[in-house]
N, C-alpha and C. Protein backbone atom coordinates (compact mmCIF):
# COMPACT_ATOMS: atom_id res chain seq x y z
N MET A 1 47.75 10.23 32.69
CA MET A 1 47.62 9.91 31.27
C MET A 1 48.96 10.20 30.58
N GLU A 2 49.48 9.20 29.88
CA GLU A 2 50.73 9.38 29.18
C GLU A 2 50.49 10.00 27.81
N GLU A 3 51.41 10.88 27.41
CA GLU A 3 51.32 11.44 26.08
C GLU A 3 52.14 10.58 25.13
N ASP A 4 51.65 10.42 23.93
CA ASP A 4 52.35 9.64 22.92
C ASP A 4 53.09 10.59 21.99
N PHE A 5 54.41 10.63 22.14
CA PHE A 5 55.22 11.52 21.33
C PHE A 5 55.68 10.85 20.03
N GLU A 6 55.29 9.61 19.82
CA GLU A 6 55.70 8.89 18.62
C GLU A 6 54.90 9.31 17.39
N THR A 7 53.70 9.80 17.56
CA THR A 7 52.85 10.14 16.42
C THR A 7 52.75 11.66 16.29
N ASP A 8 53.76 12.24 15.67
CA ASP A 8 53.75 13.67 15.43
C ASP A 8 52.88 13.98 14.23
N LEU A 9 51.85 14.75 14.45
CA LEU A 9 51.01 15.20 13.35
C LEU A 9 51.23 16.68 13.15
N TRP A 10 51.23 17.09 11.93
CA TRP A 10 51.41 18.48 11.57
C TRP A 10 50.11 19.00 10.98
N ILE A 11 49.93 20.28 11.03
CA ILE A 11 48.77 20.92 10.41
C ILE A 11 49.24 21.58 9.13
N CYS A 12 48.63 21.22 8.02
CA CYS A 12 48.97 21.83 6.74
C CYS A 12 48.53 23.29 6.78
N SER A 13 49.46 24.19 6.51
CA SER A 13 49.14 25.61 6.57
C SER A 13 48.26 26.06 5.41
N GLU A 14 48.11 25.23 4.41
CA GLU A 14 47.26 25.57 3.26
C GLU A 14 45.81 25.14 3.50
N CYS A 15 45.60 23.87 3.90
CA CYS A 15 44.23 23.35 4.01
C CYS A 15 43.78 23.14 5.45
N GLY A 16 44.73 23.13 6.40
CA GLY A 16 44.38 22.95 7.80
C GLY A 16 44.22 21.51 8.24
N LYS A 17 44.49 20.57 7.33
CA LYS A 17 44.34 19.15 7.63
C LYS A 17 45.53 18.65 8.46
N GLU A 18 45.25 17.74 9.40
CA GLU A 18 46.32 17.08 10.15
C GLU A 18 46.95 16.02 9.26
N THR A 19 48.26 15.99 9.25
CA THR A 19 48.98 15.02 8.44
C THR A 19 50.31 14.69 9.10
N ASP A 20 50.87 13.57 8.73
CA ASP A 20 52.17 13.20 9.29
C ASP A 20 53.34 13.70 8.44
N THR A 21 53.03 14.27 7.26
CA THR A 21 54.10 14.73 6.37
C THR A 21 53.76 16.09 5.77
N ILE A 22 54.61 17.05 6.05
CA ILE A 22 54.55 18.37 5.42
C ILE A 22 55.90 18.59 4.75
N TYR A 23 55.88 18.82 3.45
CA TYR A 23 57.09 19.10 2.70
C TYR A 23 56.93 20.42 1.95
N THR A 24 58.05 20.97 1.52
CA THR A 24 57.98 22.10 0.59
C THR A 24 57.62 21.54 -0.78
N ILE A 25 57.25 22.42 -1.68
CA ILE A 25 56.95 21.99 -3.05
C ILE A 25 58.16 21.30 -3.65
N ALA A 26 59.35 21.85 -3.42
CA ALA A 26 60.58 21.25 -3.95
C ALA A 26 60.79 19.84 -3.39
N GLU A 27 60.54 19.66 -2.11
CA GLU A 27 60.71 18.34 -1.50
C GLU A 27 59.71 17.33 -2.07
N TRP A 28 58.47 17.78 -2.28
CA TRP A 28 57.48 16.88 -2.89
C TRP A 28 57.92 16.50 -4.30
N CYS A 29 58.42 17.48 -5.06
CA CYS A 29 58.90 17.20 -6.42
C CYS A 29 60.03 16.18 -6.39
N ASP A 30 60.97 16.37 -5.48
CA ASP A 30 62.08 15.42 -5.35
C ASP A 30 61.57 14.03 -4.97
N GLU A 31 60.63 13.99 -4.04
CA GLU A 31 60.06 12.73 -3.57
C GLU A 31 59.36 11.98 -4.71
N LYS A 32 58.71 12.73 -5.61
CA LYS A 32 57.92 12.13 -6.67
C LYS A 32 58.66 12.07 -8.01
N GLY A 33 59.93 12.51 -8.03
CA GLY A 33 60.73 12.43 -9.25
C GLY A 33 60.35 13.43 -10.32
N ILE A 34 59.88 14.60 -9.91
CA ILE A 34 59.45 15.63 -10.85
C ILE A 34 60.64 16.53 -11.18
N ASP A 35 60.78 16.86 -12.47
CA ASP A 35 61.95 17.61 -12.93
C ASP A 35 61.95 19.07 -12.46
N ASP A 36 63.12 19.70 -12.56
CA ASP A 36 63.31 21.07 -12.07
C ASP A 36 62.46 22.10 -12.81
N GLU A 37 62.24 21.90 -14.10
CA GLU A 37 61.42 22.85 -14.87
C GLU A 37 59.99 22.86 -14.34
N THR A 38 59.44 21.68 -14.12
CA THR A 38 58.09 21.56 -13.58
C THR A 38 58.03 22.12 -12.16
N LYS A 39 59.08 21.87 -11.38
CA LYS A 39 59.17 22.37 -10.02
C LYS A 39 59.06 23.90 -10.02
N GLY A 40 59.80 24.55 -10.91
CA GLY A 40 59.74 26.01 -11.01
C GLY A 40 58.35 26.49 -11.40
N TYR A 41 57.72 25.78 -12.34
CA TYR A 41 56.37 26.13 -12.76
C TYR A 41 55.38 26.01 -11.59
N LEU A 42 55.53 24.96 -10.80
CA LEU A 42 54.63 24.77 -9.65
C LEU A 42 54.82 25.87 -8.61
N TYR A 43 56.06 26.30 -8.39
CA TYR A 43 56.30 27.41 -7.46
C TYR A 43 55.66 28.70 -7.99
N ASP A 44 55.77 28.94 -9.30
CA ASP A 44 55.16 30.13 -9.89
C ASP A 44 53.64 30.09 -9.74
N LEU A 45 53.05 28.93 -10.00
CA LEU A 45 51.60 28.78 -9.87
C LEU A 45 51.16 28.96 -8.43
N ALA A 46 51.89 28.39 -7.49
CA ALA A 46 51.56 28.54 -6.07
C ALA A 46 51.64 30.00 -5.66
N ASP A 47 52.64 30.72 -6.18
CA ASP A 47 52.78 32.14 -5.88
C ASP A 47 51.60 32.94 -6.43
N LYS A 48 51.19 32.64 -7.65
CA LYS A 48 50.05 33.33 -8.26
C LYS A 48 48.76 33.08 -7.49
N GLN A 49 48.65 31.90 -6.88
CA GLN A 49 47.44 31.54 -6.12
C GLN A 49 47.57 31.89 -4.64
N ASN A 50 48.65 32.59 -4.27
CA ASN A 50 48.92 32.92 -2.87
C ASN A 50 48.86 31.68 -1.99
N MET A 51 49.43 30.62 -2.49
CA MET A 51 49.41 29.33 -1.81
C MET A 51 50.67 29.18 -0.95
N CYS A 52 50.53 28.52 0.17
CA CYS A 52 51.68 28.23 1.02
C CYS A 52 52.61 27.27 0.26
N THR A 53 53.88 27.28 0.62
CA THR A 53 54.82 26.36 -0.05
C THR A 53 55.17 25.16 0.81
N ASP A 54 54.82 25.18 2.09
CA ASP A 54 54.98 24.01 2.97
C ASP A 54 53.61 23.38 3.10
N ILE A 55 53.40 22.26 2.37
CA ILE A 55 52.05 21.73 2.21
C ILE A 55 52.01 20.21 2.39
N CYS A 56 50.79 19.70 2.57
CA CYS A 56 50.58 18.26 2.66
C CYS A 56 50.54 17.66 1.25
N GLU A 57 50.55 16.36 1.19
CA GLU A 57 50.55 15.69 -0.11
C GLU A 57 49.27 15.97 -0.90
N ASP A 58 48.13 16.05 -0.22
CA ASP A 58 46.87 16.34 -0.92
C ASP A 58 46.92 17.71 -1.59
N CYS A 59 47.46 18.71 -0.90
CA CYS A 59 47.57 20.05 -1.48
C CYS A 59 48.56 20.06 -2.63
N PHE A 60 49.67 19.31 -2.48
CA PHE A 60 50.63 19.22 -3.58
C PHE A 60 49.97 18.58 -4.80
N ASP A 61 49.25 17.49 -4.58
CA ASP A 61 48.58 16.81 -5.70
C ASP A 61 47.57 17.73 -6.37
N ALA A 62 46.85 18.51 -5.59
CA ALA A 62 45.88 19.45 -6.15
C ALA A 62 46.59 20.52 -6.98
N LEU A 63 47.72 21.03 -6.48
CA LEU A 63 48.51 22.01 -7.22
C LEU A 63 49.02 21.40 -8.51
N PHE A 64 49.54 20.19 -8.44
CA PHE A 64 50.08 19.49 -9.60
C PHE A 64 49.01 19.32 -10.68
N HIS A 65 47.80 18.94 -10.26
CA HIS A 65 46.70 18.75 -11.21
C HIS A 65 46.19 20.09 -11.74
N ALA A 66 46.19 21.13 -10.90
CA ALA A 66 45.78 22.46 -11.35
C ALA A 66 46.74 22.99 -12.41
N ALA A 67 47.98 22.54 -12.34
CA ALA A 67 48.99 22.95 -13.32
C ALA A 67 48.82 22.22 -14.65
N GLY A 68 47.94 21.25 -14.68
CA GLY A 68 47.65 20.53 -15.91
C GLY A 68 48.50 19.29 -16.13
N PHE A 69 49.11 18.81 -15.08
CA PHE A 69 49.94 17.60 -15.20
C PHE A 69 49.19 16.38 -14.74
């Protein structure tokens, strides 16, 4: 049986979901065009919630919405 190394899936350390993309909060902000002030606020909120900072897009979106954006 051949292994397929083309489909690298990562496990989100926050939610445990398999995903093909794990970014830091800063990388997600850069990817989505979010300003530095909001980026800092999201890091502060993640810290208060003891949330991981290397997360999947679903966790980033949940954090972003929890921040009221």
